[in-house]
Amino acid sequence: MKRSRHLFLKGQENLRADQQQSLQQLLAQNEPLHKAYVLKEQFRQLYGLERQGDDTDSAFFQRGFQFLVGWRRRAEQSALRPFKTLVRQVKKRWQGILNYLIYPISNGLSEALNNKIASLQERAYGFRNFERFVLKIHQQGGLI
């Protein structure tokens, strides 16, 4: 299992043939790890759901909800403590997770920009005024 963490973190579809074989050998040796991997991959399938035919927003939302309820039931029955904790966290965020199916918008870009600004603030001792700081933000953000 040493140096094999990346096999578990990658999506099944992104593994090379030799990596898939190594992963299958590891999963065959450890049943709880196999259960955890299957649950992780099943949860990822939620974000791959696609509309069927003339799905309305509410019908698509309902299908996602049913998928999530089924996954939650399987995770609770797995008897894996980390997944029980994850189920509690998912329950708190049902609405946001399911809304992502209808409106697949992420805040990743704003988080990245905030991170760049924070790192600039740490190095901002050399800026003589606020305008230069704003100029540096625009420069780092690729706006100029």
Protein backbone atom coordinates (compact mmCIF):
# COMPACT_ATOMS: atom_id res chain seq x y z
CA MET A 1 0.00 0.00 0.00
CA LYS A 2 3.03 2.22 0.30
CA ARG A 3 3.16 4.93 -2.39
CA SER A 4 -0.25 3.99 -3.77
CA ARG A 5 -2.34 6.88 -2.48
CA HIS A 6 -2.59 8.47 -5.91
CA LEU A 7 -4.36 5.35 -7.20
CA PHE A 8 -7.21 5.95 -4.77
CA LEU A 9 -7.43 9.67 -5.39
CA LYS A 10 -7.57 9.45 -9.17
CA GLY A 11 -10.85 8.76 -10.87
CA GLN A 12 -11.27 5.25 -12.25
CA GLU A 13 -11.43 6.63 -15.80
CA ASN A 14 -8.05 8.39 -15.41
CA LEU A 15 -6.03 5.32 -14.45
CA ARG A 16 -3.70 3.61 -16.91
CA ALA A 17 -4.04 -0.15 -17.37
CA ASP A 18 -1.10 -0.93 -15.08
CA GLN A 19 -2.48 1.42 -12.41
CA GLN A 20 -5.90 -0.23 -12.63
CA GLN A 21 -4.31 -3.61 -12.15
CA SER A 22 -2.34 -2.39 -9.11
CA LEU A 23 -5.49 -0.82 -7.66
CA GLN A 24 -7.49 -4.02 -8.12
CA GLN A 25 -4.79 -6.03 -6.34
CA LEU A 26 -4.81 -3.60 -3.40
CA LEU A 27 -8.60 -3.60 -3.18
CA ALA A 28 -8.72 -7.40 -3.23
CA GLN A 29 -6.44 -7.50 -0.17
CA ASN A 30 -8.45 -5.08 1.97
CA GLU A 31 -12.26 -5.30 2.12
CA PRO A 32 -12.92 -2.03 4.04
CA LEU A 33 -10.70 -0.19 1.58
CA HIS A 34 -12.63 -1.76 -1.29
CA LYS A 35 -15.95 -0.63 0.22
CA ALA A 36 -14.60 2.89 0.68
CA TYR A 37 -13.32 3.08 -2.89
CA VAL A 38 -16.64 1.89 -4.31
CA LEU A 39 -18.54 4.45 -2.23
CA LYS A 40 -16.18 7.21 -3.38
CA GLU A 41 -16.67 6.30 -7.03
CA GLN A 42 -20.45 6.07 -6.57
CA PHE A 43 -20.53 9.55 -5.03
CA ARG A 44 -18.54 10.89 -8.00
CA GLN A 45 -21.25 9.49 -10.30
CA LEU A 46 -23.69 12.01 -8.83
CA TYR A 47 -21.75 14.82 -10.49
CA GLY A 48 -21.83 12.94 -13.79
CA LEU A 49 -25.61 12.63 -13.93
CA GLU A 50 -27.05 13.94 -17.16
CA ARG A 51 -30.52 15.03 -18.07
CA GLN A 52 -32.64 12.43 -19.81
CA GLY A 53 -34.71 13.60 -22.73
CA ASP A 54 -36.96 16.43 -21.65
CA ASP A 55 -36.08 16.41 -17.93
CA THR A 56 -37.38 19.49 -16.18
CA ASP A 57 -35.25 21.06 -13.47
CA SER A 58 -37.47 19.56 -10.78
CA ALA A 59 -37.41 16.07 -12.34
CA PHE A 60 -33.62 16.19 -12.67
CA PHE A 61 -33.33 17.50 -9.10
CA GLN A 62 -35.58 14.63 -7.91
CA ARG A 63 -33.44 12.05 -9.75
CA GLY A 64 -30.33 13.48 -8.13
CA PHE A 65 -32.06 13.41 -4.74
CA GLN A 66 -32.99 9.74 -5.16
CA PHE A 67 -29.41 8.94 -6.18
CA LEU A 68 -28.08 10.74 -3.11
CA VAL A 69 -30.54 8.98 -0.80
CA GLY A 70 -29.45 5.61 -2.18
CA TRP A 71 -25.79 6.50 -1.77
CA ARG A 72 -26.40 7.70 1.78
CA ARG A 73 -28.12 4.42 2.66
CA ARG A 74 -25.20 2.39 1.26
CA ALA A 75 -22.66 4.57 3.08
CA GLU A 76 -24.49 4.17 6.40
CA GLN A 77 -24.71 0.40 5.94
CA SER A 78 -21.00 0.15 5.13
CA ALA A 79 -20.09 0.50 8.83
CA LEU A 80 -17.10 2.65 7.87
CA ARG A 81 -16.78 5.42 10.45
CA PRO A 82 -15.33 8.06 8.07
CA PHE A 83 -18.28 7.61 5.73
CA LYS A 84 -20.75 8.01 8.58
CA THR A 85 -19.09 11.36 9.28
CA LEU A 86 -19.25 12.22 5.59
CA VAL A 87 -22.95 11.35 5.49
CA ARG A 88 -23.61 13.87 8.28
CA GLN A 89 -21.71 16.54 6.35
CA VAL A 90 -23.57 15.72 3.13
CA LYS A 91 -26.92 15.90 4.95
CA LYS A 92 -26.10 19.47 5.98
CA ARG A 93 -25.36 20.37 2.36
CA TRP A 94 -28.09 18.46 0.45
CA GLN A 95 -29.50 21.54 -1.17
CA GLY A 96 -26.19 22.93 -2.40
CA ILE A 97 -25.03 19.58 -3.76
CA LEU A 98 -28.27 19.04 -5.64
CA ASN A 99 -28.41 22.64 -6.87
CA TYR A 100 -25.05 22.05 -8.51
CA LEU A 101 -26.75 19.52 -10.81
CA ILE A 102 -29.03 22.21 -12.20
CA TYR A 103 -26.61 25.13 -12.03
CA PRO A 104 -23.06 23.69 -12.37
CA ILE A 105 -21.29 26.80 -11.15
CA SER A 106 -18.22 26.64 -8.95
CA ASN A 107 -16.63 29.30 -6.80
CA GLY A 108 -13.16 27.96 -7.60
CA LEU A 109 -12.16 31.01 -9.63
CA SER A 110 -13.06 33.46 -6.87
CA GLU A 111 -11.28 31.27 -4.29
CA ALA A 112 -8.15 31.23 -6.44
CA LEU A 113 -8.27 35.00 -6.85
CA ASN A 114 -8.76 35.48 -3.09
CA ASN A 115 -5.76 33.23 -2.47
CA LYS A 116 -3.60 35.29 -4.83
CA ILE A 117 -4.71 38.52 -3.15
CA ALA A 118 -3.92 37.09 0.29
CA SER A 119 -0.44 36.06 -0.82
CA LEU A 120 0.08 39.54 -2.30
CA GLN A 121 -1.00 41.10 0.99
CA GLU A 122 1.68 39.15 2.78
CA ARG A 123 4.28 40.56 0.41
CA ALA A 124 2.73 44.05 0.27
CA TYR A 125 5.24 45.72 2.58
CA GLY A 126 7.06 47.24 -0.39
CA PHE A 127 4.02 48.93 -1.93
CA ARG A 128 3.95 52.62 -1.18
CA ASN A 129 0.24 53.11 -1.66
CA PHE A 130 -3.06 51.32 -2.21
CA GLU A 131 -3.15 52.08 -5.95
CA ARG A 132 0.08 50.14 -6.48
CA PHE A 133 -1.37 47.24 -4.51
CA VAL A 134 -4.48 47.22 -6.72
CA LEU A 135 -2.26 47.41 -9.81
CA LYS A 136 -0.31 44.36 -8.58
CA ILE A 137 -3.59 42.47 -8.03
CA HIS A 138 -4.62 43.20 -11.62
CA GLN A 139 -1.20 42.14 -12.85
CA GLN A 140 -1.28 38.83 -10.91
CA GLY A 141 -4.86 38.15 -11.96
CA GLY A 142 -3.96 38.51 -15.63
CA LEU A 143 -6.18 41.56 -16.04
CA ILE A 144 -3.38 43.72 -17.45
